[in-house]
C-alpha cells in the first residue's frame, strides 16, 4: 500500500518554476512522456514534482508501479495551472506578434462595439492596412492609466467623464419596429402600443443611468393619464440584458423597442427598422464619448484612428439630426 508522506504546513507564496512540468505530467499522467515533451530527463521531472509538492504542502500525484494519478489536490491545482499557462502563452504570442507593428487598443462596451463600431471598422482597415486593431469589449470601467489601452469609448453623463473627453454624439430614444411587423400590427398612434410587445433592458430599474431608457419614462412623457385612468401598458414584455440584443429582437419582429437613436440610425436609413412615431422622440442626458489615453497622443496610428472615429461620429450626428457635437 502506498502511504502519503507528511508535509509541513506552508504559508509562503508558491514559486512558479515547476508549474509547466506539473502541467505536462498532469496531462499525460506519465513522467516519461512528460520528460520527452519538456526535453528533460525523467529523474529531473520527478525531482521538480517532488519540489513542487514540498512547496504546496501535500502530494499532487499518487505513484503506482507503472502509472501515476492526480490526487484531489492535484486536480484542483491542475485546473488553475492549465488556465494560467494558457493565458501566459497567449500573452507571449501576442507580444511576439506585435513587436514592431502599429496597433490601436480600444476599450468599449459590448453593445456599442457590436452595433456601431465593428460594422464601420472595415473602412478604416482598408484605408490603414498596416494598423492592427484590438477591441476589449467589456462593461467594466478600465483604468487607462494602468493598462496599455489607447482609447476608451464611453457612455455617460457629461459630469461622469474626464475633462479632456471628446463628445461624439448625444442621444435620443425612439420607438422602432420591423416593417413587416407593422404590416400585421399597425402602429399609428401612441394608444396602438397597447397591442404590442414591448422590448426593454432587463436591468433598467436596477442600474441608475439605464432608468432614462425605460418605457415607463417614455409613457410618462407621451401618454399622460388622468387620475382615474389605467396607465398605457403592453400586451406582453420581452427583456434582454444588452442593447444589441434588444436591437436584434426588434429587427426580427419580436416586438417594438424603445431604441437609442445612434445605435439604430443605420437600420432606419436602410429600412431594416421603421420609426412609426417619429414625433415622440425622447431626449436622454447620456452621451457617447472618446477618452484618449496619455500614451496614445504621441503615436500617429492612434491619432489616425481618432480622426477616423470623429468623422464617423459626424455621420451619425447627421443621420440622427443632431446639429452639434
C-alpha atoms as a PDB file:
ATOM      1  CA  UNK A   1       0.000   0.000   0.000  1.00  0.00           C
ATOM      2  CA  UNK A   2       1.280   3.474  -0.931  1.00  0.00           C
ATOM      3  CA  UNK A   3       1.457   5.839   2.008  1.00  0.00           C
ATOM      4  CA  UNK A   4       1.072   9.583   1.643  1.00  0.00           C
ATOM      5  CA  UNK A   5       4.097  11.405   3.064  1.00  0.00           C
ATOM      6  CA  UNK A   6       3.546  14.042   5.736  1.00  0.00           C
ATOM      7  CA  UNK A   7       4.174  17.614   4.662  1.00  0.00           C
ATOM      8  CA  UNK A   8       4.668  20.613   6.912  1.00  0.00           C
ATOM      9  CA  UNK A   9       2.077  23.388   6.592  1.00  0.00           C
ATOM     10  CA  UNK A  10       3.347  26.038   4.164  1.00  0.00           C
ATOM     11  CA  UNK A  11       2.405  29.720   4.194  1.00  0.00           C
ATOM     12  CA  UNK A  12       4.841  31.239   1.703  1.00  0.00           C
ATOM     13  CA  UNK A  13       3.740  32.009  -1.896  1.00  0.00           C
ATOM     14  CA  UNK A  14       4.126  29.196  -4.390  1.00  0.00           C
ATOM     15  CA  UNK A  15       7.090  29.564  -6.798  1.00  0.00           C
ATOM     16  CA  UNK A  16       6.110  29.116 -10.433  1.00  0.00           C
ATOM     17  CA  UNK A  17       9.252  27.478 -11.822  1.00  0.00           C
ATOM     18  CA  UNK A  18       7.936  23.902 -11.795  1.00  0.00           C
ATOM     19  CA  UNK A  19       4.333  24.557 -12.899  1.00  0.00           C
ATOM     20  CA  UNK A  20       4.944  23.741 -16.567  1.00  0.00           C
ATOM     21  CA  UNK A  21       6.453  20.404 -15.557  1.00  0.00           C
ATOM     22  CA  UNK A  22       3.440  19.742 -13.346  1.00  0.00           C
ATOM     23  CA  UNK A  23       1.106  20.622 -16.231  1.00  0.00           C
ATOM     24  CA  UNK A  24       2.844  18.156 -18.561  1.00  0.00           C
ATOM     25  CA  UNK A  25       2.686  15.317 -16.043  1.00  0.00           C
ATOM     26  CA  UNK A  26      -0.950  16.119 -15.193  1.00  0.00           C
ATOM     27  CA  UNK A  27      -1.911  15.996 -18.879  1.00  0.00           C
ATOM     28  CA  UNK A  28      -0.086  12.766 -19.703  1.00  0.00           C
ATOM     29  CA  UNK A  29      -0.181  11.072 -16.280  1.00  0.00           C
ATOM     30  CA  UNK A  30       3.212   9.713 -17.244  1.00  0.00           C
ATOM     31  CA  UNK A  31       6.598  11.008 -16.111  1.00  0.00           C
ATOM     32  CA  UNK A  32       8.457   9.631 -19.135  1.00  0.00           C
ATOM     33  CA  UNK A  33       6.156  11.182 -21.735  1.00  0.00           C
ATOM     34  CA  UNK A  34       6.216  14.481 -19.854  1.00  0.00           C
ATOM     35  CA  UNK A  35      10.030  14.346 -19.786  1.00  0.00           C
ATOM     36  CA  UNK A  36      10.142  13.768 -23.562  1.00  0.00           C
ATOM     37  CA  UNK A  37       7.809  16.721 -24.166  1.00  0.00           C
ATOM     38  CA  UNK A  38       9.922  19.017 -21.989  1.00  0.00           C
ATOM     39  CA  UNK A  39      13.294  17.718 -23.219  1.00  0.00           C
ATOM     40  CA  UNK A  40      14.252  16.762 -19.666  1.00  0.00           C
ATOM     41  CA  UNK A  41      15.315  13.529 -18.039  1.00  0.00           C
ATOM     42  CA  UNK A  42      12.701  11.536 -16.198  1.00  0.00           C
ATOM     43  CA  UNK A  43      14.607  11.970 -12.948  1.00  0.00           C
ATOM     44  CA  UNK A  44      14.644  15.771 -13.436  1.00  0.00           C
ATOM     45  CA  UNK A  45      10.878  15.763 -13.889  1.00  0.00           C
ATOM     46  CA  UNK A  46      10.485  13.629 -10.775  1.00  0.00           C
ATOM     47  CA  UNK A  47      12.667  15.999  -8.736  1.00  0.00           C
ATOM     48  CA  UNK A  48      10.691  19.048  -9.903  1.00  0.00           C
ATOM     49  CA  UNK A  49       7.379  17.447  -8.997  1.00  0.00           C
ATOM     50  CA  UNK A  50       8.732  16.470  -5.572  1.00  0.00           C
ATOM     51  CA  UNK A  51       9.942  20.027  -5.000  1.00  0.00           C
ATOM     52  CA  UNK A  52       6.524  21.384  -6.014  1.00  0.00           C
ATOM     53  CA  UNK A  53       4.766  19.004  -3.634  1.00  0.00           C
ATOM     54  CA  UNK A  54       7.069  20.181  -0.853  1.00  0.00           C
ATOM     55  CA  UNK A  55       6.146  23.806  -1.618  1.00  0.00           C
ATOM     56  CA  UNK A  56       2.413  23.121  -1.878  1.00  0.00           C
ATOM     57  CA  UNK A  57       2.465  21.048   1.269  1.00  0.00           C
ATOM     58  CA  UNK A  58       0.731  17.907   0.007  1.00  0.00           C
ATOM     59  CA  UNK A  59       1.030  15.119  -2.533  1.00  0.00           C
ATOM     60  CA  UNK A  60      -0.168  16.027  -6.038  1.00  0.00           C
ATOM     61  CA  UNK A  61       0.198  12.557  -7.566  1.00  0.00           C
ATOM     62  CA  UNK A  62      -0.340   9.018  -6.405  1.00  0.00           C
ATOM     63  CA  UNK A  63       2.583   6.949  -7.730  1.00  0.00           C
ATOM     64  CA  UNK A  64       1.855   3.421  -8.857  1.00  0.00           C
ATOM     65  CA  UNK A  65       4.341   0.975 -10.316  1.00  0.00           C
ATOM     66  CA  UNK A  66       3.531   1.705 -13.956  1.00  0.00           C
ATOM     67  CA  UNK A  67       1.428   4.853 -13.773  1.00  0.00           C
ATOM     68  CA  UNK A  68       0.539   7.946 -11.775  1.00  0.00           C
ATOM     69  CA  UNK A  69      -2.786   9.582 -10.918  1.00  0.00           C
ATOM     70  CA  UNK A  70      -3.712  13.009  -9.675  1.00  0.00           C
ATOM     71  CA  UNK A  71      -4.719  13.370  -6.055  1.00  0.00           C
ATOM     72  CA  UNK A  72      -7.706  15.584  -5.224  1.00  0.00           C
ATOM     73  CA  UNK A  73      -5.272  18.406  -4.505  1.00  0.00           C
ATOM     74  CA  UNK A  74      -3.572  17.743  -7.835  1.00  0.00           C
ATOM     75  CA  UNK A  75      -6.894  18.015  -9.673  1.00  0.00           C
ATOM     76  CA  UNK A  76      -7.579  21.405  -8.086  1.00  0.00           C
ATOM     77  CA  UNK A  77      -4.101  22.706  -8.898  1.00  0.00           C
ATOM     78  CA  UNK A  78      -4.201  21.353 -12.462  1.00  0.00           C
ATOM     79  CA  UNK A  79      -7.327  23.375 -13.270  1.00  0.00           C
ATOM     80  CA  UNK A  80      -5.647  26.587 -12.182  1.00  0.00           C
ATOM     81  CA  UNK A  81      -2.256  25.846 -13.706  1.00  0.00           C
ATOM     82  CA  UNK A  82      -3.732  24.976 -17.106  1.00  0.00           C
ATOM     83  CA  UNK A  83      -5.683  28.251 -17.216  1.00  0.00           C
ATOM     84  CA  UNK A  84      -2.691  30.320 -16.068  1.00  0.00           C
ATOM     85  CA  UNK A  85      -0.309  28.772 -18.589  1.00  0.00           C
ATOM     86  CA  UNK A  86      -2.792  29.233 -21.441  1.00  0.00           C
ATOM     87  CA  UNK A  87      -3.156  32.927 -20.603  1.00  0.00           C
ATOM     88  CA  UNK A  88       0.607  33.301 -20.225  1.00  0.00           C
ATOM     89  CA  UNK A  89       1.332  31.622 -23.561  1.00  0.00           C
ATOM     90  CA  UNK A  90      -1.340  33.707 -25.293  1.00  0.00           C
ATOM     91  CA  UNK A  91       0.151  36.902 -23.897  1.00  0.00           C
ATOM     92  CA  UNK A  92       3.658  35.955 -25.012  1.00  0.00           C
ATOM     93  CA  UNK A  93       2.400  35.106 -28.522  1.00  0.00           C
ATOM     94  CA  UNK A  94       0.680  38.473 -28.747  1.00  0.00           C
ATOM     95  CA  UNK A  95       3.806  40.292 -27.584  1.00  0.00           C
ATOM     96  CA  UNK A  96       5.979  38.491 -30.120  1.00  0.00           C
ATOM     97  CA  UNK A  97       3.498  39.050 -32.939  1.00  0.00           C
ATOM     98  CA  UNK A  98       3.097  42.731 -32.144  1.00  0.00           C
ATOM     99  CA  UNK A  99       6.789  43.596 -31.929  1.00  0.00           C
ATOM    100  CA  UNK A 100       7.414  46.351 -34.469  1.00  0.00           C
ATOM    101  CA  UNK A 101       3.751  46.514 -35.562  1.00  0.00           C
ATOM    102  CA  UNK A 102       1.480  49.516 -35.330  1.00  0.00           C
ATOM    103  CA  UNK A 103      -1.653  48.873 -33.313  1.00  0.00           C
ATOM    104  CA  UNK A 104      -4.524  50.650 -31.578  1.00  0.00           C
ATOM    105  CA  UNK A 105      -6.152  49.241 -28.446  1.00  0.00           C
ATOM    106  CA  UNK A 106      -9.738  50.262 -27.684  1.00  0.00           C
ATOM    107  CA  UNK A 107     -11.992  49.587 -24.743  1.00  0.00           C
ATOM    108  CA  UNK A 108     -15.743  49.955 -25.066  1.00  0.00           C
ATOM    109  CA  UNK A 109     -18.900  48.163 -24.012  1.00  0.00           C
ATOM    110  CA  UNK A 110     -20.167  45.136 -25.896  1.00  0.00           C
ATOM    111  CA  UNK A 111     -23.335  46.584 -27.421  1.00  0.00           C
ATOM    112  CA  UNK A 112     -21.605  49.651 -28.810  1.00  0.00           C
ATOM    113  CA  UNK A 113     -18.833  47.512 -30.266  1.00  0.00           C
ATOM    114  CA  UNK A 114     -21.325  45.126 -31.894  1.00  0.00           C
ATOM    115  CA  UNK A 115     -23.820  47.656 -33.245  1.00  0.00           C
ATOM    116  CA  UNK A 116     -21.819  50.802 -34.012  1.00  0.00           C
ATOM    117  CA  UNK A 117     -18.053  50.279 -34.061  1.00  0.00           C
ATOM    118  CA  UNK A 118     -17.438  46.879 -35.670  1.00  0.00           C
ATOM    119  CA  UNK A 119     -19.689  47.415 -38.722  1.00  0.00           C
ATOM    120  CA  UNK A 120     -17.640  50.532 -39.554  1.00  0.00           C
ATOM    121  CA  UNK A 121     -14.164  49.099 -38.987  1.00  0.00           C
ATOM    122  CA  UNK A 122     -13.771  47.659 -42.478  1.00  0.00           C
ATOM    123  CA  UNK A 123     -13.460  51.162 -43.926  1.00  0.00           C
ATOM    124  CA  UNK A 124     -10.638  52.038 -41.522  1.00  0.00           C
ATOM    125  CA  UNK A 125      -8.837  48.759 -42.163  1.00  0.00           C
ATOM    126  CA  UNK A 126      -8.960  49.244 -45.911  1.00  0.00           C
ATOM    127  CA  UNK A 127      -7.525  52.755 -45.585  1.00  0.00           C
ATOM    128  CA  UNK A 128      -4.928  51.685 -42.985  1.00  0.00           C
ATOM    129  CA  UNK A 129      -3.923  48.065 -43.725  1.00  0.00           C
ATOM    130  CA  UNK A 130      -0.749  48.351 -41.638  1.00  0.00           C
ATOM    131  CA  UNK A 131      -2.558  49.162 -38.364  1.00  0.00           C
ATOM    132  CA  UNK A 132      -3.808  46.355 -36.116  1.00  0.00           C
ATOM    133  CA  UNK A 133      -6.957  46.936 -34.048  1.00  0.00           C
ATOM    134  CA  UNK A 134      -7.615  45.326 -30.657  1.00  0.00           C
ATOM    135  CA  UNK A 135     -11.064  45.799 -29.097  1.00  0.00           C
ATOM    136  CA  UNK A 136     -11.658  44.986 -25.446  1.00  0.00           C
ATOM    137  CA  UNK A 137     -15.458  44.822 -25.264  1.00  0.00           C
ATOM    138  CA  UNK A 138     -16.427  44.898 -21.611  1.00  0.00           C
ATOM    139  CA  UNK A 139     -18.948  46.701 -19.444  1.00  0.00           C
ATOM    140  CA  UNK A 140     -16.295  47.129 -16.738  1.00  0.00           C
ATOM    141  CA  UNK A 141     -14.676  50.545 -16.485  1.00  0.00           C
ATOM    142  CA  UNK A 142     -10.942  50.195 -17.169  1.00  0.00           C
ATOM    143  CA  UNK A 143      -8.348  52.460 -15.557  1.00  0.00           C
ATOM    144  CA  UNK A 144      -6.403  53.576 -18.617  1.00  0.00           C
ATOM    145  CA  UNK A 145      -3.516  54.886 -16.539  1.00  0.00           C
ATOM    146  CA  UNK A 146      -2.574  51.311 -15.602  1.00  0.00           C
ATOM    147  CA  UNK A 147      -3.157  49.466 -18.891  1.00  0.00           C
ATOM    148  CA  UNK A 148      -1.915  49.572 -22.477  1.00  0.00           C
ATOM    149  CA  UNK A 149      -5.330  50.710 -23.732  1.00  0.00           C
ATOM    150  CA  UNK A 150      -5.008  53.665 -26.125  1.00  0.00           C
ATOM    151  CA  UNK A 151      -8.548  54.997 -26.046  1.00  0.00           C
ATOM    152  CA  UNK A 152     -11.934  54.363 -24.482  1.00  0.00           C
ATOM    153  CA  UNK A 153     -15.403  54.831 -25.926  1.00  0.00           C
ATOM    154  CA  UNK A 154     -17.776  55.539 -23.072  1.00  0.00           C
ATOM    155  CA  UNK A 155     -21.472  56.145 -22.457  1.00  0.00           C
ATOM    156  CA  UNK A 156     -22.194  58.550 -19.636  1.00  0.00           C
ATOM    157  CA  UNK A 157     -23.450  61.917 -18.480  1.00  0.00           C
ATOM    158  CA  UNK A 158     -21.075  64.855 -19.047  1.00  0.00           C
ATOM    159  CA  UNK A 159     -20.124  65.024 -15.361  1.00  0.00           C
ATOM    160  CA  UNK A 160     -19.037  61.364 -15.356  1.00  0.00           C
ATOM    161  CA  UNK A 161     -16.225  61.606 -17.929  1.00  0.00           C
ATOM    162  CA  UNK A 162     -12.788  63.257 -17.715  1.00  0.00           C
ATOM    163  CA  UNK A 163     -12.493  66.914 -18.639  1.00  0.00           C
ATOM    164  CA  UNK A 164     -10.494  66.046 -21.770  1.00  0.00           C
ATOM    165  CA  UNK A 165     -13.143  63.621 -23.103  1.00  0.00           C
ATOM    166  CA  UNK A 166     -14.436  64.409 -26.608  1.00  0.00           C
ATOM    167  CA  UNK A 167     -18.195  64.183 -27.135  1.00  0.00           C
ATOM    168  CA  UNK A 168     -19.015  62.043 -30.150  1.00  0.00           C
ATOM    169  CA  UNK A 169     -22.784  62.430 -30.173  1.00  0.00           C
ATOM    170  CA  UNK A 170     -25.759  62.746 -27.882  1.00  0.00           C
ATOM    171  CA  UNK A 171     -28.783  60.536 -27.650  1.00  0.00           C
ATOM    172  CA  UNK A 172     -32.497  60.439 -28.217  1.00  0.00           C
ATOM    173  CA  UNK A 173     -34.788  57.477 -27.674  1.00  0.00           C
ATOM    174  CA  UNK A 174     -37.371  56.479 -30.244  1.00  0.00           C
ATOM    175  CA  UNK A 175     -39.910  53.718 -30.818  1.00  0.00           C
ATOM    176  CA  UNK A 176     -38.768  51.302 -33.547  1.00  0.00           C
ATOM    177  CA  UNK A 177     -40.160  48.148 -35.114  1.00  0.00           C
ATOM    178  CA  UNK A 178     -39.517  45.965 -38.127  1.00  0.00           C
ATOM    179  CA  UNK A 179     -41.536  46.961 -41.232  1.00  0.00           C
ATOM    180  CA  UNK A 180     -43.061  43.504 -41.620  1.00  0.00           C
ATOM    181  CA  UNK A 181     -44.273  43.528 -38.016  1.00  0.00           C
ATOM    182  CA  UNK A 182     -46.094  46.806 -38.722  1.00  0.00           C
ATOM    183  CA  UNK A 183     -47.832  45.198 -41.686  1.00  0.00           C
ATOM    184  CA  UNK A 184     -49.690  42.849 -39.350  1.00  0.00           C
ATOM    185  CA  UNK A 185     -49.720  45.124 -36.309  1.00  0.00           C
ATOM    186  CA  UNK A 186     -50.219  48.766 -37.402  1.00  0.00           C
ATOM    187  CA  UNK A 187     -48.796  51.379 -35.087  1.00  0.00           C
ATOM    188  CA  UNK A 188     -50.206  54.789 -35.977  1.00  0.00           C
ATOM    189  CA  UNK A 189     -50.912  56.321 -32.567  1.00  0.00           C
ATOM    190  CA  UNK A 190     -49.480  56.045 -29.080  1.00  0.00           C
ATOM    191  CA  UNK A 191     -52.523  54.099 -27.915  1.00  0.00           C
ATOM    192  CA  UNK A 192     -51.796  51.380 -30.512  1.00  0.00           C
ATOM    193  CA  UNK A 193     -48.801  50.397 -28.414  1.00  0.00           C
ATOM    194  CA  UNK A 194     -51.154  48.626 -26.016  1.00  0.00           C
ATOM    195  CA  UNK A 195     -51.492  45.849 -28.618  1.00  0.00           C
ATOM    196  CA  UNK A 196     -47.725  45.334 -28.915  1.00  0.00           C
ATOM    197  CA  UNK A 197     -44.938  43.507 -27.142  1.00  0.00           C
ATOM    198  CA  UNK A 198     -42.528  45.996 -25.555  1.00  0.00           C
ATOM    199  CA  UNK A 199     -38.832  45.175 -25.515  1.00  0.00           C
ATOM    200  CA  UNK A 200     -36.786  46.572 -22.643  1.00  0.00           C
ATOM    201  CA  UNK A 201     -33.480  46.188 -20.800  1.00  0.00           C
ATOM    202  CA  UNK A 202     -33.960  43.658 -18.015  1.00  0.00           C
ATOM    203  CA  UNK A 203     -31.758  45.578 -15.591  1.00  0.00           C
ATOM    204  CA  UNK A 204     -33.129  49.035 -16.448  1.00  0.00           C
ATOM    205  CA  UNK A 205     -34.546  49.626 -12.980  1.00  0.00           C
ATOM    206  CA  UNK A 206     -31.526  48.202 -11.158  1.00  0.00           C
ATOM    207  CA  UNK A 207     -28.967  50.414 -12.914  1.00  0.00           C
ATOM    208  CA  UNK A 208     -29.276  54.117 -12.201  1.00  0.00           C
ATOM    209  CA  UNK A 209     -28.369  55.561 -15.592  1.00  0.00           C
ATOM    210  CA  UNK A 210     -30.471  53.000 -17.501  1.00  0.00           C
ATOM    211  CA  UNK A 211     -33.668  54.309 -15.892  1.00  0.00           C
ATOM    212  CA  UNK A 212     -33.520  57.064 -18.510  1.00  0.00           C
ATOM    213  CA  UNK A 213     -34.054  54.407 -21.179  1.00  0.00           C
ATOM    214  CA  UNK A 214     -37.212  52.805 -19.792  1.00  0.00           C
ATOM    215  CA  UNK A 215     -40.638  52.588 -21.358  1.00  0.00           C
ATOM    216  CA  UNK A 216     -42.046  53.951 -18.097  1.00  0.00           C
ATOM    217  CA  UNK A 217     -40.281  57.264 -18.609  1.00  0.00           C
ATOM    218  CA  UNK A 218     -41.452  57.393 -22.241  1.00  0.00           C
ATOM    219  CA  UNK A 219     -45.070  56.630 -21.219  1.00  0.00           C
ATOM    220  CA  UNK A 220     -44.988  59.297 -18.508  1.00  0.00           C
ATOM    221  CA  UNK A 221     -43.916  61.814 -21.151  1.00  0.00           C
ATOM    222  CA  UNK A 222     -46.012  60.851 -24.162  1.00  0.00           C
ATOM    223  CA  UNK A 223     -49.028  59.058 -22.689  1.00  0.00           C
ATOM    224  CA  UNK A 224     -50.091  61.028 -19.597  1.00  0.00           C
ATOM    225  CA  UNK A 225     -53.293  59.868 -17.956  1.00  0.00           C
ATOM    226  CA  UNK A 226     -55.946  61.175 -15.655  1.00  0.00           C
ATOM    227  CA  UNK A 227     -56.012  60.005 -12.052  1.00  0.00           C
ATOM    228  CA  UNK A 228     -58.801  57.510 -12.742  1.00  0.00           C
ATOM    229  CA  UNK A 229     -57.216  56.041 -15.888  1.00  0.00           C
ATOM    230  CA  UNK A 230     -55.035  52.972 -16.168  1.00  0.00           C
ATOM    231  CA  UNK A 231     -51.523  53.621 -17.489  1.00  0.00           C
ATOM    232  CA  UNK A 232     -50.610  52.581 -21.000  1.00  0.00           C
ATOM    233  CA  UNK A 233     -49.121  49.091 -20.873  1.00  0.00           C
ATOM    234  CA  UNK A 234     -48.113  46.406 -23.407  1.00  0.00           C
ATOM    235  CA  UNK A 235     -49.703  43.135 -24.360  1.00  0.00           C
ATOM    236  CA  UNK A 236     -46.541  41.488 -23.019  1.00  0.00           C
ATOM    237  CA  UNK A 237     -42.927  42.302 -22.085  1.00  0.00           C
ATOM    238  CA  UNK A 238     -39.663  40.989 -23.512  1.00  0.00           C
ATOM    239  CA  UNK A 239     -36.482  41.665 -21.536  1.00  0.00           C
ATOM    240  CA  UNK A 240     -32.807  41.480 -22.546  1.00  0.00           C
ATOM    241  CA  UNK A 241     -29.553  42.394 -20.827  1.00  0.00           C
ATOM    242  CA  UNK A 242     -27.840  44.232 -23.673  1.00  0.00           C
ATOM    243  CA  UNK A 243     -28.744  46.916 -26.209  1.00  0.00           C
ATOM    244  CA  UNK A 244     -27.616  44.810 -29.163  1.00  0.00           C
ATOM    245  CA  UNK A 245     -29.965  42.026 -28.016  1.00  0.00           C
ATOM    246  CA  UNK A 246     -32.848  44.499 -27.885  1.00  0.00           C
ATOM    247  CA  UNK A 247     -31.989  45.684 -31.378  1.00  0.00           C
ATOM    248  CA  UNK A 248     -31.769  42.134 -32.744  1.00  0.00           C
ATOM    249  CA  UNK A 249     -35.136  41.286 -31.219  1.00  0.00           C
ATOM    250  CA  UNK A 250     -36.729  44.338 -32.857  1.00  0.00           C
ATOM    251  CA  UNK A 251     -35.105  43.533 -36.206  1.00  0.00           C
ATOM    252  CA  UNK A 252     -36.617  40.054 -36.152  1.00  0.00           C
ATOM    253  CA  UNK A 253     -40.102  41.391 -35.409  1.00  0.00           C
ATOM    254  CA  UNK A 254     -40.469  40.112 -31.854  1.00  0.00           C
ATOM    255  CA  UNK A 255     -41.845  43.414 -30.607  1.00  0.00           C
ATOM    256  CA  UNK A 256     -41.325  47.173 -30.518  1.00  0.00           C
ATOM    257  CA  UNK A 257     -38.274  48.647 -28.837  1.00  0.00           C
ATOM    258  CA  UNK A 258     -37.503  51.998 -27.286  1.00  0.00           C
ATOM    259  CA  UNK A 259     -34.133  52.303 -29.001  1.00  0.00           C
ATOM    260  CA  UNK A 260     -31.139  54.605 -28.778  1.00  0.00           C
ATOM    261  CA  UNK A 261     -31.042  56.665 -31.958  1.00  0.00           C
ATOM    262  CA  UNK A 262     -27.256  56.472 -32.517  1.00  0.00           C
ATOM    263  CA  UNK A 263     -27.441  52.669 -32.399  1.00  0.00           C
ATOM    264  CA  UNK A 264     -30.381  52.316 -34.812  1.00  0.00           C
ATOM    265  CA  UNK A 265     -29.688  55.184 -37.226  1.00  0.00           C
ATOM    266  CA  UNK A 266     -28.194  52.861 -39.858  1.00  0.00           C
ATOM    267  CA  UNK A 267     -31.064  50.376 -39.542  1.00  0.00           C
ATOM    268  CA  UNK A 268     -33.560  53.209 -40.021  1.00  0.00           C
ATOM    269  CA  UNK A 269     -31.704  54.530 -43.071  1.00  0.00           C
ATOM    270  CA  UNK A 270     -31.576  51.150 -44.806  1.00  0.00           C
ATOM    271  CA  UNK A 271     -35.176  50.271 -43.926  1.00  0.00           C
ATOM    272  CA  UNK A 272     -34.497  47.315 -41.641  1.00  0.00           C
ATOM    273  CA  UNK A 273     -36.322  49.234 -38.900  1.00  0.00           C
ATOM    274  CA  UNK A 274     -39.102  51.828 -39.029  1.00  0.00           C
ATOM    275  CA  UNK A 275     -39.753  54.738 -36.686  1.00  0.00           C
ATOM    276  CA  UNK A 276     -43.587  54.659 -36.565  1.00  0.00           C
ATOM    277  CA  UNK A 277     -43.997  57.525 -34.050  1.00  0.00           C
ATOM    278  CA  UNK A 278     -41.222  59.982 -35.012  1.00  0.00           C
ATOM    279  CA  UNK A 279     -42.807  62.857 -33.137  1.00  0.00           C
ATOM    280  CA  UNK A 280     -42.346  61.067 -29.830  1.00  0.00           C
ATOM    281  CA  UNK A 281     -38.567  61.004 -29.573  1.00  0.00           C
ATOM    282  CA  UNK A 282     -37.300  61.469 -26.040  1.00  0.00           C
ATOM    283  CA  UNK A 283     -34.072  63.258 -25.111  1.00  0.00           C
ATOM    284  CA  UNK A 284     -31.552  61.414 -22.950  1.00  0.00           C
ATOM    285  CA  UNK A 285     -28.974  63.101 -20.697  1.00  0.00           C
ATOM    286  CA  UNK A 286     -26.448  60.463 -21.689  1.00  0.00           C
ATOM    287  CA  UNK A 287     -23.903  60.864 -24.480  1.00  0.00           C
ATOM    288  CA  UNK A 288     -21.119  58.933 -26.202  1.00  0.00           C
ATOM    289  CA  UNK A 289     -17.531  59.971 -25.548  1.00  0.00           C
ATOM    290  CA  UNK A 290     -13.986  59.425 -26.736  1.00  0.00           C
ATOM    291  CA  UNK A 291     -11.398  59.336 -23.957  1.00  0.00           C
ATOM    292  CA  UNK A 292      -7.798  59.244 -25.129  1.00  0.00           C
ATOM    293  CA  UNK A 293      -5.036  57.731 -23.007  1.00  0.00           C
ATOM    294  CA  UNK A 294      -1.911  59.758 -22.321  1.00  0.00           C
ATOM    295  CA  UNK A 295       0.382  57.478 -24.318  1.00  0.00           C
ATOM    296  CA  UNK A 296      -1.816  57.433 -27.407  1.00  0.00           C
ATOM    297  CA  UNK A 297      -1.465  61.120 -28.235  1.00  0.00           C
ATOM    298  CA  UNK A 298       2.156  60.587 -29.302  1.00  0.00           C
ATOM    299  CA  UNK A 299       1.503  57.744 -31.750  1.00  0.00           C
ATOM    300  CA  UNK A 300       0.434  58.518 -35.324  1.00  0.00           C
ATOM    301  CA  UNK A 301      -1.671  55.367 -35.657  1.00  0.00           C
ATOM    302  CA  UNK A 302      -3.798  56.352 -32.647  1.00  0.00           C
ATOM    303  CA  UNK A 303      -4.206  59.881 -33.990  1.00  0.00           C
ATOM    304  CA  UNK A 304      -5.280  58.427 -37.351  1.00  0.00           C
ATOM    305  CA  UNK A 305      -7.869  56.214 -35.687  1.00  0.00           C
ATOM    306  CA  UNK A 306      -9.253  59.093 -33.628  1.00  0.00           C
ATOM    307  CA  UNK A 307      -9.569  61.274 -36.739  1.00  0.00           C
ATOM    308  CA  UNK A 308     -11.448  58.486 -38.492  1.00  0.00           C
ATOM    309  CA  UNK A 309     -13.636  57.944 -35.421  1.00  0.00           C
ATOM    310  CA  UNK A 310     -14.587  61.620 -35.264  1.00  0.00           C
ATOM    311  CA  UNK A 311     -15.550  61.561 -38.942  1.00  0.00           C
ATOM    312  CA  UNK A 312     -17.766  58.528 -38.306  1.00  0.00           C
ATOM    313  CA  UNK A 313     -19.350  60.288 -35.343  1.00  0.00           C
ATOM    314  CA  UNK A 314     -20.159  63.289 -37.559  1.00  0.00           C
ATOM    315  CA  UNK A 315     -22.007  60.944 -39.927  1.00  0.00           C
ATOM    316  CA  UNK A 316     -24.029  59.552 -37.033  1.00  0.00           C
ATOM    317  CA  UNK A 317     -24.933  63.057 -35.854  1.00  0.00           C
ATOM    318  CA  UNK A 318     -26.128  63.870 -39.365  1.00  0.00           C
ATOM    319  CA  UNK A 319     -28.163  60.649 -39.555  1.00  0.00           C
ATOM    320  CA  UNK A 320     -29.889  61.313 -36.221  1.00  0.00           C
ATOM    321  CA  UNK A 321     -30.465  65.002 -36.916  1.00  0.00           C
ATOM    322  CA  UNK A 322     -28.134  66.238 -34.192  1.00  0.00           C
ATOM    323  CA  UNK A 323     -26.897  69.695 -35.036  1.00  0.00           C
ATOM    324  CA  UNK A 324     -23.761  69.920 -32.937  1.00  0.00           C
ATOM    325  CA  UNK A 325     -21.281  67.767 -31.118  1.00  0.00           C
END
